[in-house]
Amino acid sequence: AAAVARAASGRAWGAQPALVDGAIGLVWAPAGRLRGAFCFAITEGKITAITMIADPKRIRELDIELLHDGPPADQGPSRR
Protein backbone atom coordinates (compact mmCIF):
# COMPACT_ATOMS: atom_id res chain seq x y z
CA ALA A 1 0.00 0.00 0.00
CA ALA A 2 2.83 2.40 0.81
CA ALA A 3 4.35 1.70 -2.62
CA VAL A 4 1.05 2.58 -4.30
CA ALA A 5 0.88 5.84 -2.35
CA ARG A 6 4.44 6.73 -3.41
CA ALA A 7 3.75 5.83 -7.05
CA ALA A 8 0.56 7.88 -7.17
CA SER A 9 2.22 10.87 -5.54
CA GLY A 10 4.68 11.07 -8.45
CA ARG A 11 1.85 11.31 -10.96
CA ALA A 12 -0.67 13.53 -9.16
CA TRP A 13 0.66 17.07 -8.94
CA GLY A 14 0.57 18.26 -5.36
CA ALA A 15 -0.07 14.77 -3.93
CA GLN A 16 2.16 13.52 -1.14
CA PRO A 17 2.16 10.22 0.76
CA ALA A 18 0.90 10.73 4.30
CA LEU A 19 -0.59 9.10 7.31
CA VAL A 20 -4.21 10.21 7.45
CA ASP A 21 -5.68 9.52 10.90
CA GLY A 22 -2.89 6.96 11.35
CA ALA A 23 -3.51 5.06 8.09
CA ILE A 24 -1.58 5.20 4.82
CA GLY A 25 -2.98 7.66 2.30
CA LEU A 26 -2.25 10.72 0.21
CA VAL A 27 -2.86 14.39 0.72
CA TRP A 28 -3.41 16.70 -2.22
CA ALA A 29 -1.88 20.14 -1.66
CA PRO A 30 -1.24 22.02 -4.92
CA ALA A 31 0.93 25.08 -4.31
CA GLY A 32 1.18 23.98 -0.66
CA ARG A 33 -2.54 24.48 0.06
CA LEU A 34 -4.28 21.37 1.43
CA ARG A 35 -7.27 20.61 -0.80
CA GLY A 36 -7.99 16.94 -0.16
CA ALA A 37 -7.02 13.66 1.41
CA PHE A 38 -7.21 10.15 0.00
CA CYS A 39 -7.75 7.46 2.63
CA PHE A 40 -7.00 3.86 1.67
CA ALA A 41 -8.75 0.80 3.08
CA ILE A 42 -6.25 -2.07 3.14
CA THR A 43 -7.28 -5.75 3.22
CA GLU A 44 -4.64 -8.48 3.15
CA GLY A 45 -2.03 -6.00 1.91
CA LYS A 46 -4.14 -4.68 -0.97
CA ILE A 47 -6.01 -1.41 -1.39
CA THR A 48 -9.69 -2.37 -1.42
CA ALA A 49 -11.24 1.10 -1.24
CA ILE A 50 -10.22 4.73 -1.58
CA THR A 51 -12.13 7.54 0.10
CA MET A 52 -11.52 11.12 -1.07
CA ILE A 53 -12.16 13.84 1.50
CA ALA A 54 -12.41 17.37 0.12
CA ASP A 55 -14.74 19.09 2.59
CA PRO A 56 -12.63 21.84 4.26
CA LYS A 57 -14.29 21.29 7.66
CA ARG A 58 -13.61 17.55 7.57
CA ILE A 59 -10.02 18.09 6.35
CA ARG A 60 -9.33 20.34 9.36
CA GLU A 61 -10.43 17.47 11.64
CA LEU A 62 -7.95 14.97 10.13
CA ASP A 63 -4.65 14.08 11.78
CA ILE A 64 -2.17 14.29 8.87
CA GLU A 65 1.51 13.39 8.96
CA LEU A 66 3.55 13.69 5.75
CA LEU A 67 5.74 10.65 5.07
CA HIS A 68 8.71 12.43 3.48
CA ASP A 69 10.60 15.68 3.87
CA GLY A 70 11.07 16.47 0.18
CA PRO A 71 9.48 19.33 -1.73
CA PRO A 72 5.79 19.07 -2.67
CA ALA A 73 5.07 17.16 -5.85
CA ASP A 74 3.26 20.07 -7.47
CA GLN A 75 5.79 21.13 -10.07
CA GLY A 76 4.38 18.81 -12.73
CA PRO A 77 6.31 16.34 -14.83
CA SER A 78 10.01 16.90 -15.37
CA ARG A 79 10.96 18.23 -18.80
CA ARG A 80 14.29 16.49 -19.48
PDB file of N, CA and C in Angstrom:
ATOM      1  N   ALA A   1       0.820  -1.194   0.000  1.00  0.00           N
ATOM      2  CA  ALA A   1       0.000   0.000   0.000  1.00  0.00           C
ATOM      3  C   ALA A   1       0.867   1.263   0.000  1.00  0.00           C
ATOM      4  N   ALA A   2       1.942   1.233   0.783  1.00  0.00           N
ATOM      5  CA  ALA A   2       2.826   2.399   0.814  1.00  0.00           C
ATOM      6  C   ALA A   2       3.443   2.634  -0.551  1.00  0.00           C
ATOM      7  N   ALA A   3       3.781   1.565  -1.278  1.00  0.00           N
ATOM      8  CA  ALA A   3       4.355   1.701  -2.616  1.00  0.00           C
ATOM      9  C   ALA A   3       3.358   2.337  -3.570  1.00  0.00           C
ATOM     10  N   VAL A   4       2.089   1.976  -3.455  1.00  0.00           N
ATOM     11  CA  VAL A   4       1.052   2.580  -4.299  1.00  0.00           C
ATOM     12  C   VAL A   4       0.941   4.065  -3.994  1.00  0.00           C
ATOM     13  N   ALA A   5       0.968   4.424  -2.733  1.00  0.00           N
ATOM     14  CA  ALA A   5       0.882   5.838  -2.355  1.00  0.00           C
ATOM     15  C   ALA A   5       2.050   6.618  -2.935  1.00  0.00           C
ATOM     16  N   ARG A   6       3.270   6.040  -2.854  1.00  0.00           N
ATOM     17  CA  ARG A   6       4.440   6.732  -3.411  1.00  0.00           C
ATOM     18  C   ARG A   6       4.337   6.857  -4.932  1.00  0.00           C
ATOM     19  N   ALA A   7       3.879   5.799  -5.594  1.00  0.00           N
ATOM     20  CA  ALA A   7       3.750   5.832  -7.054  1.00  0.00           C
ATOM     21  C   ALA A   7       2.726   6.869  -7.483  1.00  0.00           C
ATOM     22  N   ALA A   8       1.608   6.917  -6.813  1.00  0.00           N
ATOM     23  CA  ALA A   8       0.561   7.884  -7.168  1.00  0.00           C
ATOM     24  C   ALA A   8       1.018   9.307  -6.907  1.00  0.00           C
ATOM     25  N   SER A   9       1.804   9.507  -5.863  1.00  0.00           N
ATOM     26  CA  SER A   9       2.218  10.868  -5.544  1.00  0.00           C
ATOM     27  C   SER A   9       3.129  11.435  -6.621  1.00  0.00           C
ATOM     28  N   GLY A  10       3.829  10.596  -7.370  1.00  0.00           N
ATOM     29  CA  GLY A  10       4.681  11.071  -8.447  1.00  0.00           C
ATOM     30  C   GLY A  10       3.901  11.470  -9.680  1.00  0.00           C
ATOM     31  N   ARG A  11       2.665  11.037  -9.778  1.00  0.00           N
ATOM     32  CA  ARG A  11       1.850  11.312 -10.957  1.00  0.00           C
ATOM     33  C   ARG A  11       0.776  12.375 -10.720  1.00  0.00           C
ATOM     34  N   ALA A  12       0.382  12.562  -9.492  1.00  0.00           N
ATOM     35  CA  ALA A  12      -0.670  13.528  -9.163  1.00  0.00           C
ATOM     36  C   ALA A  12      -0.009  14.780  -8.608  1.00  0.00           C
ATOM     37  N   TRP A  13      -0.003  15.836  -9.370  1.00  0.00           N
ATOM     38  CA  TRP A  13       0.656  17.066  -8.940  1.00  0.00           C
ATOM     39  C   TRP A  13       0.089  17.512  -7.607  1.00  0.00           C
ATOM     40  N   GLY A  14       0.975  17.786  -6.674  1.00  0.00           N
ATOM     41  CA  GLY A  14       0.571  18.257  -5.361  1.00  0.00           C
ATOM     42  C   GLY A  14       0.235  17.146  -4.396  1.00  0.00           C
ATOM     43  N   ALA A  15       0.244  15.885  -4.829  1.00  0.00           N
ATOM     44  CA  ALA A  15      -0.069  14.769  -3.934  1.00  0.00           C
ATOM     45  C   ALA A  15       1.192  14.300  -3.225  1.00  0.00           C
ATOM     46  N   GLN A  16       1.037  13.988  -1.940  1.00  0.00           N
ATOM     47  CA  GLN A  16       2.156  13.518  -1.140  1.00  0.00           C
ATOM     48  C   GLN A  16       1.694  12.352  -0.281  1.00  0.00           C
ATOM     49  N   PRO A  17       2.525  11.312  -0.136  1.00  0.00           N
ATOM     50  CA  PRO A  17       2.163  10.220   0.764  1.00  0.00           C
ATOM     51  C   PRO A  17       2.091  10.741   2.196  1.00  0.00           C
ATOM     52  N   ALA A  18       1.108  10.253   2.932  1.00  0.00           N
ATOM     53  CA  ALA A  18       0.904  10.729   4.299  1.00  0.00           C
ATOM     54  C   ALA A  18       0.180   9.676   5.116  1.00  0.00           C
ATOM     55  N   LEU A  19       0.303   9.815   6.425  1.00  0.00           N
ATOM     56  CA  LEU A  19      -0.590   9.096   7.315  1.00  0.00           C
ATOM     57  C   LEU A  19      -1.795   9.995   7.528  1.00  0.00           C
ATOM     58  N   VAL A  20      -2.966   9.466   7.282  1.00  0.00           N
ATOM     59  CA  VAL A  20      -4.211  10.209   7.454  1.00  0.00           C
ATOM     60  C   VAL A  20      -4.980   9.497   8.558  1.00  0.00           C
ATOM     61  N   ASP A  21      -5.091  10.147   9.704  1.00  0.00           N
ATOM     62  CA  ASP A  21      -5.678   9.521  10.896  1.00  0.00           C
ATOM     63  C   ASP A  21      -5.007   8.184  11.198  1.00  0.00           C
ATOM     64  N   GLY A  22      -3.680   8.136  11.004  1.00  0.00           N
ATOM     65  CA  GLY A  22      -2.893   6.964  11.348  1.00  0.00           C
ATOM     66  C   GLY A  22      -2.822   5.885  10.286  1.00  0.00           C
ATOM     67  N   ALA A  23      -3.508   6.057   9.164  1.00  0.00           N
ATOM     68  CA  ALA A  23      -3.509   5.061   8.091  1.00  0.00           C
ATOM     69  C   ALA A  23      -2.842   5.637   6.851  1.00  0.00           C
ATOM     70  N   ILE A  24      -2.257   4.748   6.027  1.00  0.00           N
ATOM     71  CA  ILE A  24      -1.577   5.201   4.816  1.00  0.00           C
ATOM     72  C   ILE A  24      -2.570   5.862   3.861  1.00  0.00           C
ATOM     73  N   GLY A  25      -2.127   6.960   3.248  1.00  0.00           N
ATOM     74  CA  GLY A  25      -2.977   7.664   2.297  1.00  0.00           C
ATOM     75  C   GLY A  25      -2.162   8.689   1.538  1.00  0.00           C
ATOM     76  N   LEU A  26      -2.870   9.606   0.923  1.00  0.00           N
ATOM     77  CA  LEU A  26      -2.249  10.723   0.209  1.00  0.00           C
ATOM     78  C   LEU A  26      -2.954  11.995   0.625  1.00  0.00           C
ATOM     79  N   VAL A  27      -2.217  13.085   0.612  1.00  0.00           N
ATOM     80  CA  VAL A  27      -2.856  14.393   0.717  1.00  0.00           C
ATOM     81  C   VAL A  27      -2.580  15.131  -0.580  1.00  0.00           C
ATOM     82  N   TRP A  28      -3.527  15.916  -0.999  1.00  0.00           N
ATOM     83  CA  TRP A  28      -3.405  16.702  -2.221  1.00  0.00           C
ATOM     84  C   TRP A  28      -3.305  18.158  -1.812  1.00  0.00           C
ATOM     85  N   ALA A  29      -2.136  18.760  -2.086  1.00  0.00           N
ATOM     86  CA  ALA A  29      -1.884  20.138  -1.663  1.00  0.00           C
ATOM     87  C   ALA A  29      -1.171  20.908  -2.769  1.00  0.00           C
ATOM     88  N   PRO A  30      -1.888  21.234  -3.867  1.00  0.00           N
ATOM     89  CA  PRO A  30      -1.241  22.018  -4.920  1.00  0.00           C
ATOM     90  C   PRO A  30      -0.832  23.388  -4.392  1.00  0.00           C
ATOM     91  N   ALA A  31       0.361  23.809  -4.757  1.00  0.00           N
ATOM     92  CA  ALA A  31       0.929  25.085  -4.313  1.00  0.00           C
ATOM     93  C   ALA A  31       0.973  25.171  -2.789  1.00  0.00           C
ATOM     94  N   GLY A  32       1.061  24.002  -2.114  1.00  0.00           N
ATOM     95  CA  GLY A  32       1.175  23.984  -0.662  1.00  0.00           C
ATOM     96  C   GLY A  32      -0.119  24.179   0.098  1.00  0.00           C
ATOM     97  N   ARG A  33      -1.245  24.271  -0.601  1.00  0.00           N
ATOM     98  CA  ARG A  33      -2.544  24.476   0.062  1.00  0.00           C
ATOM     99  C   ARG A  33      -3.321  23.161   0.086  1.00  0.00           C
ATOM    100  N   LEU A  34      -3.596  22.649   1.283  1.00  0.00           N
ATOM    101  CA  LEU A  34      -4.276  21.370   1.435  1.00  0.00           C
ATOM    102  C   LEU A  34      -5.698  21.452   0.881  1.00  0.00           C
ATOM    103  N   ARG A  35      -5.964  20.617  -0.133  1.00  0.00           N
ATOM    104  CA  ARG A  35      -7.268  20.613  -0.799  1.00  0.00           C
ATOM    105  C   ARG A  35      -8.030  19.315  -0.614  1.00  0.00           C
ATOM    106  N   GLY A  36      -7.298  18.216  -0.297  1.00  0.00           N
ATOM    107  CA  GLY A  36      -7.987  16.944  -0.164  1.00  0.00           C
ATOM    108  C   GLY A  36      -7.093  15.881   0.434  1.00  0.00           C
ATOM    109  N   ALA A  37      -7.734  14.809   0.870  1.00  0.00           N
ATOM    110  CA  ALA A  37      -7.017  13.655   1.407  1.00  0.00           C
ATOM    111  C   ALA A  37      -7.634  12.395   0.822  1.00  0.00           C
ATOM    112  N   PHE A  38      -6.775  11.446   0.496  1.00  0.00           N
ATOM    113  CA  PHE A  38      -7.206  10.147   0.003  1.00  0.00           C
ATOM    114  C   PHE A  38      -6.896   9.136   1.098  1.00  0.00           C
ATOM    115  N   CYS A  39      -7.913   8.459   1.588  1.00  0.00           N
ATOM    116  CA  CYS A  39      -7.749   7.457   2.634  1.00  0.00           C
ATOM    117  C   CYS A  39      -7.921   6.084   2.004  1.00  0.00           C
ATOM    118  N   PHE A  40      -6.972   5.186   2.261  1.00  0.00           N
ATOM    119  CA  PHE A  40      -6.997   3.856   1.667  1.00  0.00           C
ATOM    120  C   PHE A  40      -7.463   2.825   2.693  1.00  0.00           C
ATOM    121  N   ALA A  41      -8.392   1.967   2.289  1.00  0.00           N
ATOM    122  CA  ALA A  41      -8.754   0.796   3.083  1.00  0.00           C
ATOM    123  C   ALA A  41      -7.880  -0.344   2.581  1.00  0.00           C
ATOM    124  N   ILE A  42      -7.192  -1.006   3.499  1.00  0.00           N
ATOM    125  CA  ILE A  42      -6.254  -2.067   3.139  1.00  0.00           C
ATOM    126  C   ILE A  42      -6.788  -3.393   3.688  1.00  0.00           C
ATOM    127  N   THR A  43      -6.877  -4.397   2.827  1.00  0.00           N
ATOM    128  CA  THR A  43      -7.283  -5.749   3.223  1.00  0.00           C
ATOM    129  C   THR A  43      -6.257  -6.721   2.665  1.00  0.00           C
ATOM    130  N   GLU A  44      -5.645  -7.494   3.543  1.00  0.00           N
ATOM    131  CA  GLU A  44      -4.637  -8.482   3.149  1.00  0.00           C
ATOM    132  C   GLU A  44      -3.549  -7.869   2.257  1.00  0.00           C
ATOM    133  N   GLY A  45      -3.115  -6.660   2.626  1.00  0.00           N
ATOM    134  CA  GLY A  45      -2.031  -6.001   1.910  1.00  0.00           C
ATOM    135  C   GLY A  45      -2.408  -5.340   0.603  1.00  0.00           C
ATOM    136  N   LYS A  46      -3.694  -5.288   0.284  1.00  0.00           N
ATOM    137  CA  LYS A  46      -4.140  -4.677  -0.974  1.00  0.00           C
ATOM    138  C   LYS A  46      -5.124  -3.547  -0.684  1.00  0.00           C
ATOM    139  N   ILE A  47      -5.048  -2.505  -1.510  1.00  0.00           N
ATOM    140  CA  ILE A  47      -6.014  -1.415  -1.388  1.00  0.00           C
ATOM    141  C   ILE A  47      -7.353  -1.923  -1.909  1.00  0.00           C
ATOM    142  N   THR A  48      -8.364  -1.878  -1.042  1.00  0.00           N
ATOM    143  CA  THR A  48      -9.691  -2.367  -1.419  1.00  0.00           C
ATOM    144  C   THR A  48     -10.701  -1.239  -1.575  1.00  0.00           C
ATOM    145  N   ALA A  49     -10.357  -0.055  -1.083  1.00  0.00           N
ATOM    146  CA  ALA A  49     -11.239   1.104  -1.244  1.00  0.00           C
ATOM    147  C   ALA A  49     -10.423   2.372  -1.050  1.00  0.00           C
ATOM    148  N   ILE A  50     -10.843   3.417  -1.731  1.00  0.00           N
ATOM    149  CA  ILE A  50     -10.219   4.731  -1.582  1.00  0.00           C
ATOM    150  C   ILE A  50     -11.334   5.735  -1.310  1.00  0.00           C
ATOM    151  N   THR A  51     -11.173   6.488  -0.230  1.00  0.00           N
ATOM    152  CA  THR A  51     -12.127   7.541   0.100  1.00  0.00           C
ATOM    153  C   THR A  51     -11.440   8.875  -0.082  1.00  0.00           C
ATOM    154  N   MET A  52     -12.062   9.777  -0.847  1.00  0.00           N
ATOM    155  CA  MET A  52     -11.521  11.118  -1.067  1.00  0.00           C
ATOM    156  C   MET A  52     -12.289  12.085  -0.179  1.00  0.00           C
ATOM    157  N   ILE A  53     -11.550  12.834   0.627  1.00  0.00           N
ATOM    158  CA  ILE A  53     -12.157  13.837   1.501  1.00  0.00           C
ATOM    159  C   ILE A  53     -11.732  15.207   0.999  1.00  0.00           C
ATOM    160  N   ALA A  54     -12.707  16.033   0.634  1.00  0.00           N
ATOM    161  CA  ALA A  54     -12.406  17.372   0.117  1.00  0.00           C
ATOM    162  C   ALA A  54     -13.135  18.475   0.887  1.00  0.00           C
ATOM    163  N   ASP A  55     -14.004  18.108   1.801  1.00  0.00           N
ATOM    164  CA  ASP A  55     -14.736  19.093   2.592  1.00  0.00           C
ATOM    165  C   ASP A  55     -13.763  19.793   3.546  1.00  0.00           C
ATOM    166  N   PRO A  56     -13.609  21.127   3.434  1.00  0.00           N
ATOM    167  CA  PRO A  56     -12.630  21.837   4.258  1.00  0.00           C
ATOM    168  C   PRO A  56     -12.811  21.596   5.764  1.00  0.00           C
ATOM    169  N   LYS A  57     -14.047  21.527   6.230  1.00  0.00           N
ATOM    170  CA  LYS A  57     -14.289  21.288   7.658  1.00  0.00           C
ATOM    171  C   LYS A  57     -13.774  19.911   8.062  1.00  0.00           C
ATOM    172  N   ARG A  58     -14.057  18.908   7.261  1.00  0.00           N
ATOM    173  CA  ARG A  58     -13.607  17.546   7.566  1.00  0.00           C
ATOM    174  C   ARG A  58     -12.084  17.449   7.476  1.00  0.00           C
ATOM    175  N   ILE A  59     -11.487  18.112   6.482  1.00  0.00           N
ATOM    176  CA  ILE A  59     -10.022  18.095   6.345  1.00  0.00           C
ATOM    177  C   ILE A  59      -9.362  18.661   7.598  1.00  0.00           C
ATOM    178  N   ARG A  60      -9.914  19.733   8.148  1.00  0.00           N
ATOM    179  CA  ARG A  60      -9.334  20.338   9.358  1.00  0.00           C
ATOM    180  C   ARG A  60      -9.370  19.381  10.545  1.00  0.00           C
ATOM    181  N   GLU A  61     -10.296  18.429  10.534  1.00  0.00           N
ATOM    182  CA  GLU A  61     -10.432  17.475  11.637  1.00  0.00           C
ATOM    183  C   GLU A  61      -9.461  16.294  11.521  1.00  0.00           C
ATOM    184  N   LEU A  62      -8.837  16.114  10.357  1.00  0.00           N
ATOM    185  CA  LEU A  62      -7.949  14.972  10.135  1.00  0.00           C
ATOM    186  C   LEU A  62      -6.603  15.170  10.819  1.00  0.00           C
ATOM    187  N   ASP A  63      -6.018  14.083  11.275  1.00  0.00           N
ATOM    188  CA  ASP A  63      -4.650  14.075  11.782  1.00  0.00           C
ATOM    189  C   ASP A  63      -3.769  13.638  10.614  1.00  0.00           C
ATOM    190  N   ILE A  64      -2.978  14.564  10.069  1.00  0.00           N
ATOM    191  CA  ILE A  64      -2.173  14.292   8.872  1.00  0.00           C
ATOM    192  C   ILE A  64      -0.698  14.418   9.197  1.00  0.00           C
ATOM    193  N   GLU A  65       0.057  13.394   8.788  1.00  0.00           N
ATOM    194  CA  GLU A  65       1.510  13.393   8.960  1.00  0.00           C
ATOM    195  C   GLU A  65       2.139  13.024   7.621  1.00  0.00           C
ATOM    196  N   LEU A  66       2.873  13.970   7.012  1.00  0.00           N
ATOM    197  CA  LEU A  66       3.552  13.688   5.746  1.00  0.00           C
ATOM    198  C   LEU A  66       4.619  12.625   5.951  1.00  0.00           C
ATOM    199  N   LEU A  67       4.810  11.765   4.943  1.00  0.00           N
ATOM    200  CA  LEU A  67       5.740  10.649   5.070  1.00  0.00           C
ATOM    201  C   LEU A  67       7.115  10.911   4.479  1.00  0.00           C
ATOM    202  N   HIS A  68       7.371  12.098   3.957  1.00  0.00           N
ATOM    203  CA  HIS A  68       8.714  12.431   3.478  1.00  0.00           C
ATOM    204  C   HIS A  68       8.955  13.907   3.687  1.00  0.00           C
ATOM    205  N   ASP A  69      10.221  14.284   3.621  1.00  0.00           N
ATOM    206  CA  ASP A  69      10.599  15.675   3.875  1.00  0.00           C
ATOM    207  C   ASP A  69      10.935  16.439   2.609  1.00  0.00           C
ATOM    208  N   GLY A  70      10.711  15.825   1.444  1.00  0.00           N
ATOM    209  CA  GLY A  70      11.065  16.468   0.181  1.00  0.00           C
ATOM    210  C   GLY A  70      10.096  17.574  -0.182  1.00  0.00           C
ATOM    211  N   PRO A  71      10.364  18.256  -1.287  1.00  0.00           N
ATOM    212  CA  PRO A  71       9.482  19.329  -1.730  1.00  0.00           C
ATOM    213  C   PRO A  71       8.153  18.750  -2.206  1.00  0.00           C
ATOM    214  N   PRO A  72       7.081  19.542  -2.181  1.00  0.00           N
ATOM    215  CA  PRO A  72       5.792  19.071  -2.665  1.00  0.00           C
ATOM    216  C   PRO A  72       5.885  18.636  -4.128  1.00  0.00           C
ATOM    217  N   ALA A  73       5.061  17.681  -4.492  1.00  0.00           N
ATOM    218  CA  ALA A  73       5.070  17.162  -5.853  1.00  0.00           C
ATOM    219  C   ALA A  73       4.117  17.940  -6.731  1.00  0.00           C
ATOM    220  N   ASP A  74       4.208  19.272  -6.711  1.00  0.00           N
ATOM    221  CA  ASP A  74       3.256  20.071  -7.470  1.00  0.00           C
ATOM    222  C   ASP A  74       3.909  20.812  -8.641  1.00  0.00           C
ATOM    223  N   GLN A  75       5.125  20.442  -8.978  1.00  0.00           N
ATOM    224  CA  GLN A  75       5.793  21.129 -10.074  1.00  0.00           C
ATOM    225  C   GLN A  75       5.450  20.532 -11.435  1.00  0.00           C
ATOM    226  N   GLY A  76       4.727  19.432 -11.466  1.00  0.00           N
ATOM    227  CA  GLY A  76       4.378  18.806 -12.735  1.00  0.00           C
ATOM    228  C   GLY A  76       5.479  17.884 -13.185  1.00  0.00           C
ATOM    229  N   PRO A  77       5.303  17.280 -14.339  1.00  0.00           N
ATOM    230  CA  PRO A  77       6.306  16.336 -14.831  1.00  0.00           C
ATOM    231  C   PRO A  77       7.607  17.040 -15.188  1.00  0.00           C
ATOM    232  N   SER A  78       8.704  16.308 -15.012  1.00  0.00           N
ATOM    233  CA  SER A  78      10.006  16.903 -15.375  1.00  0.00           C
ATOM    234  C   SER A  78      10.099  17.010 -16.888  1.00  0.00           C
ATOM    235  N   ARG A  79      10.829  17.984 -17.368  1.00  0.00           N
ATOM    236  CA  ARG A  79      10.962  18.229 -18.800  1.00  0.00           C
ATOM    237  C   ARG A  79      12.420  18.025 -19.207  1.00  0.00           C
ATOM    238  N   ARG A  80      12.886  16.793 -19.140  1.00  0.00           N
ATOM    239  CA  ARG A  80      14.285  16.491 -19.475  1.00  0.00           C
ATOM    240  C   ARG A  80      14.478  16.339 -20.941  1.00  0.00           C
TER     241      ARG A  80
END
